[in-house]
Amino acid sequence: MKLALGTVQFGLPYGVANQTGQVSRTEAEAILRDALIAGFDTLDTAIAYGESEQRLGEIGVGRWQVVSKLPAIPEACTDVAAWAQKSVMDSLMRLKIPKLHGLLLHCSQQLLGKQGEVLYGALLALKEQGAVEKIGVSIYDPQELDALGSRFRCDLVQAPFNILDRRLASSGWLARLHQSGTEVHVRSIFLQGLLLMEATKRPAMFNRWQPLWDHWHRWLSEQALTPLQACLGFAMSQPEIDRVVVGIDSLKQLQEIMSAVETKIAPVPQSLVTEDVQLLNPSNWQTQ
């Protein structure tokens, strides 16, 4: 199964389209159970996702491949290696598992800073100990890989990718990562739910991209596709992508995803692409 389960909603009320807040313990348990039955095998979480790791550990994730992420190095940190080691050991304790499938850095730029070599060495040490199988980065823009690529070997890279945001492919990085044997996970395939929203429910701050939304809804109508079918079909059809991370906050959503995931879609027009990071990077939305 190419789909991976994103669990940020298990620990935090997250996302511009989130109507229900943080997922309850009972609902999270049911989602994990049914996702396993459906063929999911990979979980995506992070130390920064509130109670997510704790919640997952309480439910039990021994049958899953778990990918977690280290937050930014704290400013007061004087021993980066010890901090990384303790952070991961604490993660494993919360998750109640012996090792992580993947350990990613939330702030890849820190590898280029003065602590970069020490941080990378700490990741390698954790891999050698068997505490993690694969090390890598979670990025926001493929340009981050331009600086990192020649200096640091990544076993796993997670990046945003969706119908509007094809920078990972257009930059050439998707093909290069795949060819080098790096595992590629993509997230934000619904652009935090924006691509799934009805036109009338999209927040007003996104009106400046109205021609793009009009084109999107027109294309969906012409193809007789739901937004969910189109977004999933596009991401799942990319052969170089190993896992497509989907955040799920209800059993109903899981069922909708499973019924839409088999849809084969026609090639998506290049005109449905933007490089505007004001739209593509959710961290820029607050400033608009």
Protein backbone atom coordinates (compact mmCIF):
# COMPACT_ATOMS: atom_id res chain seq x y z
CA MET A 1 0.00 0.00 0.00
CA LYS A 2 1.43 3.32 -1.11
CA LEU A 3 -0.68 5.38 1.32
CA ALA A 4 0.80 6.32 4.70
CA LEU A 5 -1.22 7.58 7.65
CA GLY A 6 -0.47 11.12 8.83
CA THR A 7 -1.18 11.54 12.53
CA VAL A 8 -0.76 15.25 13.27
CA GLN A 9 -4.53 15.42 13.95
CA PHE A 10 -4.10 12.75 16.64
CA GLY A 11 -2.05 15.22 18.67
CA LEU A 12 -3.23 18.68 17.61
CA PRO A 13 -6.25 20.41 16.04
CA TYR A 14 -4.57 20.97 12.64
CA GLY A 15 -5.30 22.27 9.17
CA VAL A 16 -7.21 25.11 7.53
CA ALA A 17 -10.10 22.73 6.67
CA ASN A 18 -10.23 21.01 10.07
CA GLN A 19 -13.77 21.33 11.43
CA THR A 20 -13.59 18.83 14.27
CA GLY A 21 -10.39 19.62 16.22
CA GLN A 22 -8.11 16.96 17.67
CA VAL A 23 -9.11 13.35 17.00
CA SER A 24 -10.44 11.52 20.07
CA ARG A 25 -8.59 8.51 21.48
CA THR A 26 -11.47 6.19 20.49
CA GLU A 27 -11.60 7.51 16.93
CA ALA A 28 -7.80 7.33 16.57
CA GLU A 29 -7.87 3.70 17.70
CA ALA A 30 -10.57 2.86 15.15
CA ILE A 31 -8.70 4.68 12.35
CA LEU A 32 -5.47 2.78 13.08
CA ARG A 33 -7.31 -0.55 13.22
CA ASP A 34 -9.18 -0.06 9.95
CA ALA A 35 -6.16 1.47 8.16
CA LEU A 36 -4.11 -1.64 8.99
CA ILE A 37 -6.89 -3.85 7.63
CA ALA A 38 -6.97 -1.69 4.47
CA GLY A 39 -3.25 -2.33 3.91
CA PHE A 40 -1.56 0.77 5.37
CA ASP A 41 1.82 -0.03 6.96
CA THR A 42 3.46 3.38 7.55
CA LEU A 43 2.68 6.08 10.12
CA ASP A 44 3.93 9.65 9.96
CA THR A 45 4.29 11.55 13.23
CA ALA A 46 6.63 14.04 14.92
CA ILE A 47 7.80 15.11 18.35
CA ALA A 48 6.21 18.52 17.62
CA TYR A 49 2.74 17.03 16.99
CA GLY A 50 1.44 17.62 20.50
CA GLU A 51 0.24 14.36 22.05
CA SER A 52 0.50 12.35 18.82
CA GLU A 53 3.40 10.04 19.82
CA GLN A 54 1.95 9.50 23.29
CA ARG A 55 -1.46 8.66 21.85
CA LEU A 56 0.00 6.26 19.29
CA GLY A 57 1.99 4.48 22.00
CA GLU A 58 -1.11 4.06 24.16
CA ILE A 59 -3.05 2.56 21.25
CA GLY A 60 -0.15 0.34 20.16
CA VAL A 61 1.76 0.67 16.88
CA GLY A 62 4.03 -2.38 16.99
CA ARG A 63 2.82 -3.54 13.58
CA TRP A 64 3.55 -0.22 11.87
CA GLN A 65 6.61 1.38 10.28
CA VAL A 66 6.81 4.68 12.15
CA VAL A 67 8.43 7.82 10.75
CA SER A 68 8.99 10.64 13.26
CA LYS A 69 10.75 13.99 13.14
CA LEU A 70 13.17 15.91 15.31
CA PRO A 71 12.20 19.54 15.97
CA ALA A 72 14.64 22.43 15.62
CA ILE A 73 17.66 22.28 17.95
CA PRO A 74 16.74 24.32 21.05
CA GLU A 75 18.65 27.61 21.27
CA ALA A 76 20.03 26.77 24.71
CA CYS A 77 21.31 23.35 23.56
CA THR A 78 25.05 22.91 24.21
CA ASP A 79 25.33 19.21 23.30
CA VAL A 80 23.51 18.47 20.05
CA ALA A 81 24.44 14.78 19.96
CA ALA A 82 23.10 14.18 23.48
CA TRP A 83 19.93 16.17 22.69
CA ALA A 84 19.25 14.14 19.52
CA GLN A 85 19.91 10.86 21.34
CA LYS A 86 17.60 11.75 24.23
CA SER A 87 14.89 13.08 21.90
CA VAL A 88 14.77 9.82 19.94
CA MET A 89 14.93 7.59 23.01
CA ASP A 90 12.04 9.58 24.53
CA SER A 91 10.12 9.20 21.26
CA LEU A 92 10.61 5.43 21.28
CA MET A 93 9.48 5.30 24.89
CA ARG A 94 6.31 7.28 24.11
CA LEU A 95 5.62 5.18 21.02
CA LYS A 96 6.51 1.95 22.87
CA ILE A 97 8.47 0.56 19.93
CA PRO A 98 12.13 -0.56 19.67
CA LYS A 99 13.05 1.52 16.60
CA LEU A 100 11.83 4.08 14.08
CA HIS A 101 11.59 3.26 10.39
CA GLY A 102 12.55 6.85 9.63
CA LEU A 103 13.89 9.84 11.54
CA LEU A 104 13.58 13.17 9.72
CA LEU A 105 14.73 16.67 10.57
CA HIS A 106 11.91 19.22 10.61
CA CYS A 107 14.49 21.97 9.95
CA SER A 108 16.81 20.72 7.23
CA GLN A 109 18.62 24.09 7.16
CA GLN A 110 20.19 23.26 10.52
CA LEU A 111 22.44 20.78 8.72
CA LEU A 112 24.03 23.78 6.99
CA GLY A 113 24.60 25.68 10.25
CA LYS A 114 27.55 25.50 12.63
CA GLN A 115 26.07 22.47 14.39
CA GLY A 116 25.28 20.70 11.10
CA GLU A 117 28.09 18.14 11.04
CA VAL A 118 27.48 17.22 14.69
CA LEU A 119 23.75 16.87 14.06
CA TYR A 120 24.32 14.63 11.03
CA GLY A 121 26.81 12.58 13.02
CA ALA A 122 24.17 12.14 15.74
CA LEU A 123 21.68 10.85 13.15
CA LEU A 124 24.25 8.39 11.80
CA ALA A 125 25.00 7.20 15.34
CA LEU A 126 21.30 6.54 15.98
CA LYS A 127 21.18 4.56 12.74
CA GLU A 128 24.26 2.54 13.70
CA GLN A 129 22.70 1.76 17.11
CA GLY A 130 19.62 0.38 15.37
CA ALA A 131 17.33 3.00 16.95
CA VAL A 132 16.38 4.20 13.44
CA GLU A 133 16.50 2.49 10.06
CA LYS A 134 16.55 5.54 7.82
CA ILE A 135 17.58 9.16 8.33
CA GLY A 136 16.62 12.18 6.28
CA VAL A 137 14.80 15.48 6.06
CA SER A 138 11.30 16.87 5.83
CA ILE A 139 11.44 19.82 3.44
CA TYR A 140 9.13 22.65 2.40
CA ASP A 141 10.82 23.50 -0.90
CA PRO A 142 13.01 21.28 -3.15
CA GLN A 143 15.57 24.11 -3.22
CA GLU A 144 16.54 22.99 0.29
CA LEU A 145 17.96 19.84 -1.31
CA ASP A 146 20.22 21.86 -3.63
CA ALA A 147 22.43 22.83 -0.71
CA LEU A 148 22.11 19.55 1.21
CA GLY A 149 22.35 17.07 -1.65
CA SER A 150 26.11 17.04 -2.13
CA ARG A 151 27.02 17.06 1.58
CA PHE A 152 24.52 14.82 3.36
CA ARG A 153 23.21 11.46 2.27
CA CYS A 154 19.48 11.04 3.00
CA ASP A 155 17.81 7.63 3.11
CA LEU A 156 14.36 9.23 3.27
CA VAL A 157 12.98 12.58 2.12
CA GLN A 158 9.50 13.93 2.76
CA ALA A 159 8.23 16.85 0.69
CA PRO A 160 5.00 18.62 -0.28
CA PHE A 161 3.51 17.52 -3.60
CA ASN A 162 0.09 18.01 -5.14
CA ILE A 163 -1.67 18.96 -8.36
CA LEU A 164 -0.84 22.65 -7.89
CA ASP A 165 2.61 22.06 -6.36
CA ARG A 166 4.82 19.93 -8.61
CA ARG A 167 8.13 21.54 -7.64
CA LEU A 168 9.56 18.21 -6.46
CA ALA A 169 9.16 16.81 -9.98
CA SER A 170 9.85 19.95 -12.03
CA SER A 171 13.09 20.63 -10.11
CA GLY A 172 14.36 17.19 -11.13
CA TRP A 173 14.70 16.14 -7.48
CA LEU A 174 11.99 13.50 -7.56
CA ALA A 175 13.76 11.57 -10.31
CA ARG A 176 17.19 12.07 -8.71
CA LEU A 177 16.06 10.86 -5.28
CA HIS A 178 14.39 7.82 -6.79
CA GLN A 179 17.44 6.96 -8.89
CA SER A 180 19.73 7.21 -5.85
CA GLY A 181 17.56 4.77 -3.87
CA THR A 182 16.24 7.41 -1.47
CA GLU A 183 12.75 6.64 -0.15
CA VAL A 184 10.38 9.47 -1.11
CA HIS A 185 7.30 10.34 0.95
CA VAL A 186 5.00 13.17 -0.14
CA ARG A 187 2.57 15.11 2.01
CA SER A 188 0.12 17.99 1.53
CA ILE A 189 -1.53 16.25 -1.44
CA PHE A 190 -4.76 18.12 -0.57
CA LEU A 191 -2.88 21.36 0.28
CA GLN A 192 -4.19 21.13 3.87
CA GLY A 193 -7.70 20.54 2.53
CA LEU A 194 -7.84 23.62 0.25
CA LEU A 195 -8.09 21.46 -2.86
CA LEU A 196 -11.02 19.53 -1.40
CA MET A 197 -13.07 22.57 -0.41
CA GLU A 198 -16.23 23.70 -2.13
CA ALA A 199 -15.71 27.05 -3.82
CA THR A 200 -18.10 28.80 -1.43
CA LYS A 201 -16.30 27.54 1.67
CA ARG A 202 -12.76 28.54 0.75
CA PRO A 203 -11.50 31.32 3.08
CA ALA A 204 -11.50 34.79 1.54
CA MET A 205 -7.72 35.17 1.89
CA PHE A 206 -7.38 32.70 -1.01
CA ASN A 207 -9.53 34.77 -3.40
CA ARG A 208 -6.45 36.26 -5.05
CA TRP A 209 -5.94 32.89 -6.78
CA GLN A 210 -9.53 32.79 -8.05
CA PRO A 211 -8.60 32.06 -11.71
CA LEU A 212 -6.69 28.98 -10.52
CA TRP A 213 -9.65 27.76 -8.43
CA ASP A 214 -12.03 28.36 -11.34
CA HIS A 215 -9.79 26.33 -13.64
CA TRP A 216 -9.54 23.55 -11.01
CA HIS A 217 -13.30 23.23 -10.57
CA ARG A 218 -13.88 23.42 -14.32
CA TRP A 219 -11.35 20.63 -14.98
CA LEU A 220 -12.87 18.43 -12.27
CA SER A 221 -16.29 18.92 -13.82
CA GLU A 222 -15.01 18.07 -17.32
CA GLN A 223 -13.35 14.90 -16.03
CA ALA A 224 -16.33 13.93 -13.83
CA LEU A 225 -13.97 13.60 -10.87
CA THR A 226 -14.33 14.52 -7.23
CA PRO A 227 -11.48 16.63 -5.79
CA LEU A 228 -10.53 13.64 -3.60
CA GLN A 229 -10.29 11.28 -6.58
CA ALA A 230 -8.19 13.77 -8.53
CA CYS A 231 -5.75 14.57 -5.71
CA LEU A 232 -5.24 10.93 -4.75
CA GLY A 233 -5.09 9.69 -8.33
CA PHE A 234 -2.45 12.26 -9.24
CA ALA A 235 -0.13 11.51 -6.29
CA MET A 236 -0.60 7.73 -6.42
CA SER A 237 0.20 7.61 -10.14
CA GLN A 238 3.77 8.94 -9.71
CA PRO A 239 6.04 5.86 -9.89
CA GLU A 240 8.98 7.54 -8.11
CA ILE A 241 6.94 8.23 -4.99
CA ASP A 242 7.10 5.50 -2.32
CA ARG A 243 4.49 6.75 0.16
CA VAL A 244 1.67 9.29 -0.03
CA VAL A 245 0.93 10.66 3.44
CA VAL A 246 -2.73 11.41 4.12
CA GLY A 247 -3.91 13.03 7.34
CA ILE A 248 -7.10 11.36 8.50
CA ASP A 249 -9.26 12.65 11.34
CA SER A 250 -12.28 10.34 11.14
CA LEU A 251 -13.24 6.82 10.10
CA LYS A 252 -15.54 8.37 7.51
CA GLN A 253 -12.56 10.12 5.89
CA LEU A 254 -10.60 6.86 5.81
CA GLN A 255 -13.52 5.13 4.07
CA GLU A 256 -13.84 7.98 1.55
CA ILE A 257 -10.11 7.79 0.79
CA MET A 258 -10.21 4.02 0.33
CA SER A 259 -13.13 4.27 -2.09
CA ALA A 260 -11.43 7.06 -4.10
CA VAL A 261 -7.87 5.74 -4.18
CA GLU A 262 -8.37 3.30 -7.06
CA THR A 263 -9.58 6.00 -9.45
CA LYS A 264 -7.44 6.30 -12.58
CA ILE A 265 -7.26 9.86 -13.83
CA ALA A 266 -6.28 11.48 -17.12
CA PRO A 267 -3.07 13.55 -17.22
CA VAL A 268 -3.54 16.77 -15.26
CA PRO A 269 -2.95 19.90 -17.38
CA GLN A 270 0.23 21.89 -16.78
CA SER A 271 -1.95 24.99 -16.53
CA LEU A 272 -3.04 23.71 -13.09
CA VAL A 273 0.37 24.45 -11.61
CA THR A 274 1.70 27.37 -9.62
CA GLU A 275 5.10 28.18 -8.17
CA ASP A 276 3.63 30.86 -5.88
CA VAL A 277 4.97 29.98 -2.43
CA GLN A 278 2.47 32.38 -0.87
CA LEU A 279 -0.12 29.74 -1.72
CA LEU A 280 1.97 26.56 -1.67
CA ASN A 281 3.59 27.02 1.75
CA PRO A 282 0.94 27.11 4.53
CA SER A 283 3.35 28.93 6.84
CA ASN A 284 2.84 31.99 4.60
CA TRP A 285 -0.95 31.98 4.97
CA GLN A 286 -0.95 33.76 8.34
CA THR A 287 0.80 36.77 6.84
CA GLN A 288 -1.84 37.46 4.18
